[in-house]
Amino acid sequence: MTKESKNIFRVLFMNQNKVYELYAREVAQASMLGFIEVGDIIFGERSKLLVDPAEEKLKSEFGDVKHTYLPHHSIIRIDEVEKEGKNKIHDTDGSSVSVLPGSHFSPPPKA
C-alpha cells in the first residue's frame, strides 16, 4: 500500500474589494502571461443543518469550476498547508490590505 501525498494550498486573493480564501489541490503558473492557475478547489462536506453563507456563495461561484485563472496582482499569498480549512470571504473594511494599481506585465513586443 503506497501513501499518496496530496498537496493542499490556501490561496488568498482580492476580488471586488474583498479577500477570498480558497483551499485547492493544484496551484501553478498559468500558460497565460500574468495569471496563476488554481484547480481542484476543495469544498468540505459540512452539516446540512449549519449553513455558512460565505462558503455557500463561494461554492455557487466556484463549485463547477475545474480551473480558475487569477491575475498575479490580485494574489495576496499562497500557502501550502497540512489540512484543508473552510473557504471564506473576508471584508476589507478597516484592513491595511489594498490592491496595487495597474498590471506588472506588459505585452511582448511585436516581431
PDB file of N, CA and C in Angstrom:
ATOM      1  N   MET A   1       0.842  -1.176   0.000  1.00  0.00           N
ATOM      2  CA  MET A   1       0.000   0.000   0.000  1.00  0.00           C
ATOM      3  C   MET A   1       0.889   1.242   0.000  1.00  0.00           C
ATOM      4  N   THR A   2       0.746   2.084  -0.981  1.00  0.00           N
ATOM      5  CA  THR A   2       1.569   3.278  -1.049  1.00  0.00           C
ATOM      6  C   THR A   2       0.788   4.474  -0.529  1.00  0.00           C
ATOM      7  N   LYS A   3       1.515   5.346   0.147  1.00  0.00           N
ATOM      8  CA  LYS A   3       0.887   6.552   0.685  1.00  0.00           C
ATOM      9  C   LYS A   3       1.028   7.661  -0.348  1.00  0.00           C
ATOM     10  N   GLU A   4      -0.095   8.116  -0.863  1.00  0.00           N
ATOM     11  CA  GLU A   4      -0.089   9.178  -1.863  1.00  0.00           C
ATOM     12  C   GLU A   4      -0.279  10.514  -1.148  1.00  0.00           C
ATOM     13  N   SER A   5       0.696  11.406  -1.303  1.00  0.00           N
ATOM     14  CA  SER A   5       0.574  12.704  -0.642  1.00  0.00           C
ATOM     15  C   SER A   5      -0.080  13.692  -1.592  1.00  0.00           C
ATOM     16  N   LYS A   6      -1.100  14.340  -1.131  1.00  0.00           N
ATOM     17  CA  LYS A   6      -1.799  15.357  -1.903  1.00  0.00           C
ATOM     18  C   LYS A   6      -1.502  16.704  -1.258  1.00  0.00           C
ATOM     19  N   ASN A   7      -0.948  17.613  -2.041  1.00  0.00           N
ATOM     20  CA  ASN A   7      -0.682  18.945  -1.527  1.00  0.00           C
ATOM     21  C   ASN A   7      -1.998  19.699  -1.389  1.00  0.00           C
ATOM     22  N   ILE A   8      -2.063  20.527  -0.366  1.00  0.00           N
ATOM     23  CA  ILE A   8      -3.209  21.398  -0.170  1.00  0.00           C
ATOM     24  C   ILE A   8      -2.678  22.818  -0.053  1.00  0.00           C
ATOM     25  N   PHE A   9      -3.271  23.731  -0.817  1.00  0.00           N
ATOM     26  CA  PHE A   9      -2.837  25.117  -0.835  1.00  0.00           C
ATOM     27  C   PHE A   9      -3.972  26.024  -0.375  1.00  0.00           C
ATOM     28  N   ARG A  10      -3.604  27.029   0.429  1.00  0.00           N
ATOM     29  CA  ARG A  10      -4.541  28.095   0.800  1.00  0.00           C
ATOM     30  C   ARG A  10      -4.179  29.301  -0.055  1.00  0.00           C
ATOM     31  N   VAL A  11      -5.140  29.776  -0.837  1.00  0.00           N
ATOM     32  CA  VAL A  11      -4.912  30.889  -1.757  1.00  0.00           C
ATOM     33  C   VAL A  11      -5.757  32.069  -1.296  1.00  0.00           C
ATOM     34  N   LEU A  12      -5.086  33.179  -1.004  1.00  0.00           N
ATOM     35  CA  LEU A  12      -5.789  34.409  -0.640  1.00  0.00           C
ATOM     36  C   LEU A  12      -5.626  35.408  -1.774  1.00  0.00           C
ATOM     37  N   PHE A  13      -6.759  35.960  -2.243  1.00  0.00           N
ATOM     38  CA  PHE A  13      -6.704  36.917  -3.333  1.00  0.00           C
ATOM     39  C   PHE A  13      -7.819  37.942  -3.185  1.00  0.00           C
ATOM     40  N   MET A  14      -7.602  39.096  -3.816  1.00  0.00           N
ATOM     41  CA  MET A  14      -8.592  40.173  -3.799  1.00  0.00           C
ATOM     42  C   MET A  14      -9.570  39.994  -4.946  1.00  0.00           C
ATOM     43  N   ASN A  15     -10.861  40.229  -4.649  1.00  0.00           N
ATOM     44  CA  ASN A  15     -11.893  40.209  -5.672  1.00  0.00           C
ATOM     45  C   ASN A  15     -12.999  41.156  -5.218  1.00  0.00           C
ATOM     46  N   GLN A  16     -13.224  42.224  -5.951  1.00  0.00           N
ATOM     47  CA  GLN A  16     -14.269  43.204  -5.669  1.00  0.00           C
ATOM     48  C   GLN A  16     -14.187  43.729  -4.233  1.00  0.00           C
ATOM     49  N   ASN A  17     -12.991  44.173  -3.836  1.00  0.00           N
ATOM     50  CA  ASN A  17     -12.721  44.759  -2.512  1.00  0.00           C
ATOM     51  C   ASN A  17     -12.983  43.802  -1.354  1.00  0.00           C
ATOM     52  N   LYS A  18     -12.899  42.523  -1.620  1.00  0.00           N
ATOM     53  CA  LYS A  18     -12.998  41.505  -0.568  1.00  0.00           C
ATOM     54  C   LYS A  18     -11.833  40.541  -0.739  1.00  0.00           C
ATOM     55  N   VAL A  19     -11.425  39.920   0.370  1.00  0.00           N
ATOM     56  CA  VAL A  19     -10.361  38.924   0.329  1.00  0.00           C
ATOM     57  C   VAL A  19     -11.008  37.548   0.319  1.00  0.00           C
ATOM     58  N   TYR A  20     -10.745  36.791  -0.741  1.00  0.00           N
ATOM     59  CA  TYR A  20     -11.249  35.431  -0.864  1.00  0.00           C
ATOM     60  C   TYR A  20     -10.175  34.480  -0.361  1.00  0.00           C
ATOM     61  N   GLU A  21     -10.588  33.488   0.398  1.00  0.00           N
ATOM     62  CA  GLU A  21      -9.689  32.445   0.894  1.00  0.00           C
ATOM     63  C   GLU A  21     -10.219  31.108   0.395  1.00  0.00           C
ATOM     64  N   LEU A  22      -9.445  30.485  -0.506  1.00  0.00           N
ATOM     65  CA  LEU A  22      -9.836  29.208  -1.096  1.00  0.00           C
ATOM     66  C   LEU A  22      -8.791  28.149  -0.787  1.00  0.00           C
ATOM     67  N   TYR A  23      -9.231  26.921  -0.659  1.00  0.00           N
ATOM     68  CA  TYR A  23      -8.334  25.780  -0.496  1.00  0.00           C
ATOM     69  C   TYR A  23      -8.406  24.950  -1.769  1.00  0.00           C
ATOM     70  N   ALA A  24      -7.232  24.613  -2.297  1.00  0.00           N
ATOM     71  CA  ALA A  24      -7.175  23.886  -3.569  1.00  0.00           C
ATOM     72  C   ALA A  24      -6.023  22.894  -3.551  1.00  0.00           C
ATOM     73  N   ARG A  25      -6.098  21.904  -4.430  1.00  0.00           N
ATOM     74  CA  ARG A  25      -5.047  20.899  -4.541  1.00  0.00           C
ATOM     75  C   ARG A  25      -4.037  21.236  -5.634  1.00  0.00           C
ATOM     76  N   GLU A  26      -4.394  22.131  -6.545  1.00  0.00           N
ATOM     77  CA  GLU A  26      -3.496  22.472  -7.655  1.00  0.00           C
ATOM     78  C   GLU A  26      -3.311  23.987  -7.746  1.00  0.00           C
ATOM     79  N   VAL A  27      -2.050  24.418  -7.734  1.00  0.00           N
ATOM     80  CA  VAL A  27      -1.706  25.827  -7.961  1.00  0.00           C
ATOM     81  C   VAL A  27      -0.458  25.835  -8.819  1.00  0.00           C
ATOM     82  N   ALA A  28      -0.499  26.609  -9.915  1.00  0.00           N
ATOM     83  CA  ALA A  28       0.646  26.645 -10.824  1.00  0.00           C
ATOM     84  C   ALA A  28       0.653  27.952 -11.606  1.00  0.00           C
ATOM     85  N   GLN A  29       1.817  28.246 -12.165  1.00  0.00           N
ATOM     86  CA  GLN A  29       1.936  29.364 -13.086  1.00  0.00           C
ATOM     87  C   GLN A  29       1.149  28.998 -14.339  1.00  0.00           C
ATOM     88  N   ALA A  30       0.240  29.857 -14.748  1.00  0.00           N
ATOM     89  CA  ALA A  30      -0.578  29.568 -15.930  1.00  0.00           C
ATOM     90  C   ALA A  30       0.213  29.817 -17.203  1.00  0.00           C
ATOM     91  N   SER A  31      -0.211  29.181 -18.263  1.00  0.00           N
ATOM     92  CA  SER A  31       0.436  29.408 -19.552  1.00  0.00           C
ATOM     93  C   SER A  31       0.091  30.794 -20.104  1.00  0.00           C
ATOM     94  N   MET A  32      -0.964  31.404 -19.565  1.00  0.00           N
ATOM     95  CA  MET A  32      -1.314  32.777 -19.931  1.00  0.00           C
ATOM     96  C   MET A  32      -0.470  33.725 -19.077  1.00  0.00           C
ATOM     97  N   LEU A  33       0.250  34.607 -19.702  1.00  0.00           N
ATOM     98  CA  LEU A  33       1.145  35.526 -19.004  1.00  0.00           C
ATOM     99  C   LEU A  33       0.383  36.359 -17.978  1.00  0.00           C
ATOM    100  N   GLY A  34       0.886  36.365 -16.743  1.00  0.00           N
ATOM    101  CA  GLY A  34       0.304  37.197 -15.700  1.00  0.00           C
ATOM    102  C   GLY A  34      -0.776  36.551 -14.869  1.00  0.00           C
ATOM    103  N   PHE A  35      -0.984  35.245 -15.013  1.00  0.00           N
ATOM    104  CA  PHE A  35      -2.046  34.564 -14.278  1.00  0.00           C
ATOM    105  C   PHE A  35      -1.508  33.369 -13.497  1.00  0.00           C
ATOM    106  N   ILE A  36      -2.156  33.082 -12.378  1.00  0.00           N
ATOM    107  CA  ILE A  36      -1.912  31.884 -11.578  1.00  0.00           C
ATOM    108  C   ILE A  36      -3.117  30.971 -11.778  1.00  0.00           C
ATOM    109  N   GLU A  37      -2.859  29.702 -12.067  1.00  0.00           N
ATOM    110  CA  GLU A  37      -3.926  28.723 -12.280  1.00  0.00           C
ATOM    111  C   GLU A  37      -4.202  27.987 -10.978  1.00  0.00           C
ATOM    112  N   VAL A  38      -5.458  27.973 -10.565  1.00  0.00           N
ATOM    113  CA  VAL A  38      -5.882  27.284  -9.344  1.00  0.00           C
ATOM    114  C   VAL A  38      -6.913  26.242  -9.753  1.00  0.00           C
ATOM    115  N   GLY A  39      -6.669  24.979  -9.379  1.00  0.00           N
ATOM    116  CA  GLY A  39      -7.572  23.905  -9.765  1.00  0.00           C
ATOM    117  C   GLY A  39      -7.900  22.987  -8.612  1.00  0.00           C
ATOM    118  N   ASP A  40      -8.904  22.188  -8.789  1.00  0.00           N
ATOM    119  CA  ASP A  40      -9.380  21.221  -7.801  1.00  0.00           C
ATOM    120  C   ASP A  40      -9.643  21.912  -6.461  1.00  0.00           C
ATOM    121  N   ILE A  41     -10.536  22.882  -6.494  1.00  0.00           N
ATOM    122  CA  ILE A  41     -10.894  23.635  -5.287  1.00  0.00           C
ATOM    123  C   ILE A  41     -11.631  22.704  -4.335  1.00  0.00           C
ATOM    124  N   ILE A  42     -11.264  22.770  -3.065  1.00  0.00           N
ATOM    125  CA  ILE A  42     -11.792  21.853  -2.053  1.00  0.00           C
ATOM    126  C   ILE A  42     -12.958  22.515  -1.325  1.00  0.00           C
ATOM    127  N   PHE A  43     -14.093  21.829  -1.322  1.00  0.00           N
ATOM    128  CA  PHE A  43     -15.249  22.257  -0.540  1.00  0.00           C
ATOM    129  C   PHE A  43     -15.549  21.151   0.441  1.00  0.00           C
ATOM    130  N   GLY A  44     -15.465  21.461   1.727  1.00  0.00           N
ATOM    131  CA  GLY A  44     -15.712  20.457   2.758  1.00  0.00           C
ATOM    132  C   GLY A  44     -17.172  20.104   2.837  1.00  0.00           C
ATOM    133  N   GLU A  45     -17.433  18.862   3.172  1.00  0.00           N
ATOM    134  CA  GLU A  45     -18.815  18.426   3.378  1.00  0.00           C
ATOM    135  C   GLU A  45     -19.213  18.808   4.796  1.00  0.00           C
ATOM    136  N   ARG A  46     -20.020  19.813   4.896  1.00  0.00           N
ATOM    137  CA  ARG A  46     -20.463  20.311   6.192  1.00  0.00           C
ATOM    138  C   ARG A  46     -21.874  19.799   6.476  1.00  0.00           C
ATOM    139  N   SER A  47     -22.263  19.945   7.710  1.00  0.00           N
ATOM    140  CA  SER A  47     -23.610  19.551   8.096  1.00  0.00           C
ATOM    141  C   SER A  47     -24.632  20.381   7.337  1.00  0.00           C
ATOM    142  N   LYS A  48     -25.695  19.762   6.905  1.00  0.00           N
ATOM    143  CA  LYS A  48     -26.747  20.477   6.187  1.00  0.00           C
ATOM    144  C   LYS A  48     -27.551  21.365   7.138  1.00  0.00           C
ATOM    145  N   LEU A  49     -27.420  21.155   8.454  1.00  0.00           N
ATOM    146  CA  LEU A  49     -28.153  21.966   9.417  1.00  0.00           C
ATOM    147  C   LEU A  49     -27.512  23.345   9.588  1.00  0.00           C
ATOM    148  N   LEU A  50     -26.197  23.397   9.534  1.00  0.00           N
ATOM    149  CA  LEU A  50     -25.486  24.662   9.670  1.00  0.00           C
ATOM    150  C   LEU A  50     -25.004  25.101   8.298  1.00  0.00           C
ATOM    151  N   VAL A  51     -25.497  26.227   7.834  1.00  0.00           N
ATOM    152  CA  VAL A  51     -25.137  26.725   6.515  1.00  0.00           C
ATOM    153  C   VAL A  51     -24.351  28.019   6.689  1.00  0.00           C
ATOM    154  N   ASP A  52     -23.148  28.053   6.149  1.00  0.00           N
ATOM    155  CA  ASP A  52     -22.323  29.250   6.169  1.00  0.00           C
ATOM    156  C   ASP A  52     -22.570  30.003   4.866  1.00  0.00           C
ATOM    157  N   PRO A  53     -23.156  31.207   4.931  1.00  0.00           N
ATOM    158  CA  PRO A  53     -23.484  31.924   3.700  1.00  0.00           C
ATOM    159  C   PRO A  53     -22.261  32.233   2.833  1.00  0.00           C
ATOM    160  N   ALA A  54     -21.120  32.540   3.448  1.00  0.00           N
ATOM    161  CA  ALA A  54     -19.910  32.853   2.671  1.00  0.00           C
ATOM    162  C   ALA A  54     -19.438  31.625   1.906  1.00  0.00           C
ATOM    163  N   GLU A  55     -19.415  30.471   2.563  1.00  0.00           N
ATOM    164  CA  GLU A  55     -18.964  29.262   1.881  1.00  0.00           C
ATOM    165  C   GLU A  55     -19.962  28.848   0.798  1.00  0.00           C
ATOM    166  N   GLU A  56     -21.247  29.039   1.052  1.00  0.00           N
ATOM    167  CA  GLU A  56     -22.256  28.722   0.035  1.00  0.00           C
ATOM    168  C   GLU A  56     -22.103  29.625  -1.184  1.00  0.00           C
ATOM    169  N   LYS A  57     -21.770  30.908  -0.945  1.00  0.00           N
ATOM    170  CA  LYS A  57     -21.546  31.835  -2.055  1.00  0.00           C
ATOM    171  C   LYS A  57     -20.341  31.390  -2.875  1.00  0.00           C
ATOM    172  N   LEU A  58     -19.261  30.993  -2.192  1.00  0.00           N
ATOM    173  CA  LEU A  58     -18.073  30.509  -2.893  1.00  0.00           C
ATOM    174  C   LEU A  58     -18.367  29.214  -3.642  1.00  0.00           C
ATOM    175  N   LYS A  59     -19.155  28.346  -3.032  1.00  0.00           N
ATOM    176  CA  LYS A  59     -19.493  27.086  -3.682  1.00  0.00           C
ATOM    177  C   LYS A  59     -20.333  27.326  -4.932  1.00  0.00           C
ATOM    178  N   SER A  60     -21.248  28.300  -4.869  1.00  0.00           N
ATOM    179  CA  SER A  60     -22.057  28.587  -6.061  1.00  0.00           C
ATOM    180  C   SER A  60     -21.210  29.265  -7.139  1.00  0.00           C
ATOM    181  N   GLU A  61     -20.203  30.032  -6.728  1.00  0.00           N
ATOM    182  CA  GLU A  61     -19.345  30.722  -7.692  1.00  0.00           C
ATOM    183  C   GLU A  61     -18.289  29.801  -8.301  1.00  0.00           C
ATOM    184  N   PHE A  62     -17.699  28.911  -7.482  1.00  0.00           N
ATOM    185  CA  PHE A  62     -16.582  28.087  -7.931  1.00  0.00           C
ATOM    186  C   PHE A  62     -16.874  26.586  -7.942  1.00  0.00           C
ATOM    187  N   GLY A  63     -18.075  26.170  -7.592  1.00  0.00           N
ATOM    188  CA  GLY A  63     -18.397  24.751  -7.464  1.00  0.00           C
ATOM    189  C   GLY A  63     -18.198  23.930  -8.726  1.00  0.00           C
ATOM    190  N   ASP A  64     -18.537  24.473  -9.882  1.00  0.00           N
ATOM    191  CA  ASP A  64     -18.426  23.742 -11.144  1.00  0.00           C
ATOM    192  C   ASP A  64     -17.164  24.102 -11.922  1.00  0.00           C
ATOM    193  N   VAL A  65     -16.269  24.855 -11.302  1.00  0.00           N
ATOM    194  CA  VAL A  65     -15.059  25.327 -11.985  1.00  0.00           C
ATOM    195  C   VAL A  65     -13.958  24.279 -11.871  1.00  0.00           C
ATOM    196  N   LYS A  66     -13.389  23.878 -13.011  1.00  0.00           N
ATOM    197  CA  LYS A  66     -12.262  22.944 -12.996  1.00  0.00           C
ATOM    198  C   LYS A  66     -10.969  23.674 -12.648  1.00  0.00           C
ATOM    199  N   HIS A  67     -10.730  24.799 -13.329  1.00  0.00           N
ATOM    200  CA  HIS A  67      -9.564  25.639 -13.075  1.00  0.00           C
ATOM    201  C   HIS A  67      -9.987  27.092 -13.163  1.00  0.00           C
ATOM    202  N   THR A  68      -9.470  27.912 -12.266  1.00  0.00           N
ATOM    203  CA  THR A  68      -9.698  29.348 -12.354  1.00  0.00           C
ATOM    204  C   THR A  68      -8.342  30.024 -12.518  1.00  0.00           C
ATOM    205  N   TYR A  69      -8.331  31.132 -13.209  1.00  0.00           N
ATOM    206  CA  TYR A  69      -7.095  31.854 -13.501  1.00  0.00           C
ATOM    207  C   TYR A  69      -7.162  33.210 -12.810  1.00  0.00           C
ATOM    208  N   LEU A  70      -6.261  33.427 -11.868  1.00  0.00           N
ATOM    209  CA  LEU A  70      -6.248  34.652 -11.088  1.00  0.00           C
ATOM    210  C   LEU A  70      -5.088  35.535 -11.535  1.00  0.00           C
ATOM    211  N   PRO A  71      -5.335  36.830 -11.742  1.00  0.00           N
ATOM    212  CA  PRO A  71      -4.242  37.727 -12.120  1.00  0.00           C
ATOM    213  C   PRO A  71      -3.217  37.830 -10.990  1.00  0.00           C
ATOM    214  N   HIS A  72      -1.936  37.902 -11.352  1.00  0.00           N
ATOM    215  CA  HIS A  72      -0.872  37.993 -10.350  1.00  0.00           C
ATOM    216  C   HIS A  72      -1.126  39.111  -9.348  1.00  0.00           C
ATOM    217  N   HIS A  73      -1.556  40.271  -9.837  1.00  0.00           N
ATOM    218  CA  HIS A  73      -1.700  41.418  -8.944  1.00  0.00           C
ATOM    219  C   HIS A  73      -2.848  41.272  -7.953  1.00  0.00           C
ATOM    220  N   SER A  74      -3.735  40.288  -8.126  1.00  0.00           N
ATOM    221  CA  SER A  74      -4.811  40.093  -7.157  1.00  0.00           C
ATOM    222  C   SER A  74      -4.419  39.108  -6.044  1.00  0.00           C
ATOM    223  N   ILE A  75      -3.328  38.361  -6.243  1.00  0.00           N
ATOM    224  CA  ILE A  75      -2.888  37.367  -5.255  1.00  0.00           C
ATOM    225  C   ILE A  75      -2.261  38.070  -4.060  1.00  0.00           C
ATOM    226  N   ILE A  76      -2.704  37.709  -2.864  1.00  0.00           N
ATOM    227  CA  ILE A  76      -2.094  38.219  -1.637  1.00  0.00           C
ATOM    228  C   ILE A  76      -1.022  37.250  -1.166  1.00  0.00           C
ATOM    229  N   ARG A  77      -1.375  35.955  -1.091  1.00  0.00           N
ATOM    230  CA  ARG A  77      -0.406  34.938  -0.718  1.00  0.00           C
ATOM    231  C   ARG A  77      -0.937  33.555  -1.052  1.00  0.00           C
ATOM    232  N   ILE A  78       0.002  32.620  -1.173  1.00  0.00           N
ATOM    233  CA  ILE A  78      -0.325  31.216  -1.403  1.00  0.00           C
ATOM    234  C   ILE A  78       0.492  30.413  -0.390  1.00  0.00           C
ATOM    235  N   ASP A  79      -0.183  29.619   0.428  1.00  0.00           N
ATOM    236  CA  ASP A  79       0.475  28.804   1.449  1.00  0.00           C
ATOM    237  C   ASP A  79       0.186  27.332   1.179  1.00  0.00           C
ATOM    238  N   GLU A  80       1.205  26.498   1.370  1.00  0.00           N
ATOM    239  CA  GLU A  80       0.970  25.056   1.364  1.00  0.00           C
ATOM    240  C   GLU A  80       0.689  24.681   2.812  1.00  0.00           C
ATOM    241  N   VAL A  81      -0.443  24.028   3.058  1.00  0.00           N
ATOM    242  CA  VAL A  81      -0.879  23.722   4.413  1.00  0.00           C
ATOM    243  C   VAL A  81      -1.030  22.218   4.611  1.00  0.00           C
ATOM    244  N   GLU A  82      -1.090  21.813   5.866  1.00  0.00           N
ATOM    245  CA  GLU A  82      -1.219  20.391   6.211  1.00  0.00           C
ATOM    246  C   GLU A  82      -2.627  19.848   5.939  1.00  0.00           C
ATOM    247  N   LYS A  83      -3.644  20.653   6.270  1.00  0.00           N
ATOM    248  CA  LYS A  83      -5.012  20.185   6.068  1.00  0.00           C
ATOM    249  C   LYS A  83      -5.870  21.341   5.583  1.00  0.00           C
ATOM    250  N   GLU A  84      -6.966  20.972   4.950  1.00  0.00           N
ATOM    251  CA  GLU A  84      -7.857  21.981   4.387  1.00  0.00           C
ATOM    252  C   GLU A  84      -8.593  22.721   5.490  1.00  0.00           C
ATOM    253  N   GLY A  85      -9.010  23.909   5.186  1.00  0.00           N
ATOM    254  CA  GLY A  85      -9.809  24.712   6.098  1.00  0.00           C
ATOM    255  C   GLY A  85     -11.119  25.080   5.428  1.00  0.00           C
ATOM    256  N   LYS A  86     -11.772  26.046   6.001  1.00  0.00           N
ATOM    257  CA  LYS A  86     -13.054  26.488   5.476  1.00  0.00           C
ATOM    258  C   LYS A  86     -12.831  27.646   4.516  1.00  0.00           C
ATOM    259  N   ASN A  87     -13.419  27.560   3.335  1.00  0.00           N
ATOM    260  CA  ASN A  87     -13.339  28.656   2.376  1.00  0.00           C
ATOM    261  C   ASN A  87     -14.111  29.843   2.935  1.00  0.00           C
ATOM    262  N   LYS A  88     -13.535  31.055   2.777  1.00  0.00           N
ATOM    263  CA  LYS A  88     -14.136  32.241   3.385  1.00  0.00           C
ATOM    264  C   LYS A  88     -14.036  33.436   2.453  1.00  0.00           C
ATOM    265  N   ILE A  89     -14.869  34.418   2.742  1.00  0.00           N
ATOM    266  CA  ILE A  89     -14.752  35.738   2.136  1.00  0.00           C
ATOM    267  C   ILE A  89     -14.590  36.710   3.290  1.00  0.00           C
ATOM    268  N   HIS A  90     -13.464  37.444   3.290  1.00  0.00           N
ATOM    269  CA  HIS A  90     -13.190  38.421   4.349  1.00  0.00           C
ATOM    270  C   HIS A  90     -13.498  39.817   3.832  1.00  0.00           C
ATOM    271  N   ASP A  91     -14.139  40.613   4.660  1.00  0.00           N
ATOM    272  CA  ASP A  91     -14.383  42.003   4.309  1.00  0.00           C
ATOM    273  C   ASP A  91     -13.108  42.790   4.604  1.00  0.00           C
ATOM    274  N   THR A  92     -12.778  43.770   3.782  1.00  0.00           N
ATOM    275  CA  THR A  92     -11.537  44.525   3.964  1.00  0.00           C
ATOM    276  C   THR A  92     -11.764  45.857   4.658  1.00  0.00           C
ATOM    277  N   ASP A  93     -12.952  46.118   5.171  1.00  0.00           N
ATOM    278  CA  ASP A  93     -13.199  47.373   5.876  1.00  0.00           C
ATOM    279  C   ASP A  93     -12.267  47.489   7.069  1.00  0.00           C
ATOM    280  N   GLY A  94     -11.527  48.580   7.122  1.00  0.00           N
ATOM    281  CA  GLY A  94     -10.601  48.807   8.224  1.00  0.00           C
ATOM    282  C   GLY A  94      -9.326  48.005   8.126  1.00  0.00           C
ATOM    283  N   SER A  95      -9.114  47.322   7.010  1.00  0.00           N
ATOM    284  CA  SER A  95      -7.927  46.497   6.832  1.00  0.00           C
ATOM    285  C   SER A  95      -6.839  47.290   6.137  1.00  0.00           C
ATOM    286  N   SER A  96      -5.610  46.852   6.306  1.00  0.00           N
ATOM    287  CA  SER A  96      -4.491  47.511   5.632  1.00  0.00           C
ATOM    288  C   SER A  96      -4.193  46.874   4.275  1.00  0.00           C
ATOM    289  N   VAL A  97      -5.010  45.912   3.849  1.00  0.00           N
ATOM    290  CA  VAL A  97      -4.825  45.260   2.560  1.00  0.00           C
ATOM    291  C   VAL A  97      -5.396  46.154   1.467  1.00  0.00           C
ATOM    292  N   SER A  98      -4.599  46.381   0.436  1.00  0.00           N
ATOM    293  CA  SER A  98      -5.100  47.179  -0.684  1.00  0.00           C
ATOM    294  C   SER A  98      -4.588  46.604  -1.985  1.00  0.00           C
ATOM    295  N   VAL A  99      -5.299  46.899  -3.055  1.00  0.00           N
ATOM    296  CA  VAL A  99      -4.940  46.399  -4.373  1.00  0.00           C
ATOM    297  C   VAL A  99      -3.957  47.363  -5.007  1.00  0.00           C
ATOM    298  N   LEU A 100      -2.902  46.825  -5.602  1.00  0.00           N
ATOM    299  CA  LEU A 100      -1.954  47.666  -6.314  1.00  0.00           C
ATOM    300  C   LEU A 100      -2.553  48.070  -7.654  1.00  0.00           C
ATOM    301  N   PRO A 101      -2.385  49.325  -8.033  1.00  0.00           N
ATOM    302  CA  PRO A 101      -2.967  49.747  -9.306  1.00  0.00           C
ATOM    303  C   PRO A 101      -2.189  49.208 -10.489  1.00  0.00           C
ATOM    304  N   GLY A 102      -2.923  48.942 -11.569  1.00  0.00           N
ATOM    305  CA  GLY A 102      -2.286  48.527 -12.819  1.00  0.00           C
ATOM    306  C   GLY A 102      -1.722  47.135 -12.789  1.00  0.00           C
ATOM    307  N   SER A 103      -1.146  46.769 -13.892  1.00  0.00           N
ATOM    308  CA  SER A 103      -0.559  45.446 -14.052  1.00  0.00           C
ATOM    309  C   SER A 103       0.951  45.561 -14.075  1.00  0.00           C
ATOM    310  N   HIS A 104       1.618  44.518 -13.641  1.00  0.00           N
ATOM    311  CA  HIS A 104       3.078  44.492 -13.627  1.00  0.00           C
ATOM    312  C   HIS A 104       3.635  43.973 -14.946  1.00  0.00           C
ATOM    313  N   PHE A 105       2.782  43.582 -15.835  1.00  0.00           N
ATOM    314  CA  PHE A 105       3.219  42.943 -17.064  1.00  0.00           C
ATOM    315  C   PHE A 105       2.840  43.790 -18.273  1.00  0.00           C
ATOM    316  N   SER A 106       3.726  43.795 -19.219  1.00  0.00           N
ATOM    317  CA  SER A 106       3.410  44.454 -20.484  1.00  0.00           C
ATOM    318  C   SER A 106       3.436  43.397 -21.571  1.00  0.00           C
ATOM    319  N   PRO A 107       2.670  43.600 -22.620  1.00  0.00           N
ATOM    320  CA  PRO A 107       2.641  42.590 -23.672  1.00  0.00           C
ATOM    321  C   PRO A 107       3.999  42.490 -24.359  1.00  0.00           C
ATOM    322  N   PRO A 108       4.327  41.306 -24.881  1.00  0.00           N
ATOM    323  CA  PRO A 108       5.606  41.146 -25.573  1.00  0.00           C
ATOM    324  C   PRO A 108       5.666  42.020 -26.832  1.00  0.00           C
ATOM    325  N   PRO A 109       6.844  42.486 -27.193  1.00  0.00           N
ATOM    326  CA  PRO A 109       6.958  43.335 -28.389  1.00  0.00           C
ATOM    327  C   PRO A 109       6.582  42.544 -29.634  1.00  0.00           C
ATOM    328  N   LYS A 110       5.991  43.252 -30.588  1.00  0.00           N
ATOM    329  CA  LYS A 110       5.593  42.627 -31.843  1.00  0.00           C
ATOM    330  C   LYS A 110       6.814  42.436 -32.716  1.00  0.00           C
ATOM    331  N   ALA A 111       6.871  41.292 -33.350  1.00  0.00           N
ATOM    332  CA  ALA A 111       8.026  40.979 -34.195  1.00  0.00           C
ATOM    333  C   ALA A 111       7.878  41.526 -35.588  1.00  0.00           C
TER     334      ALA A 111
END
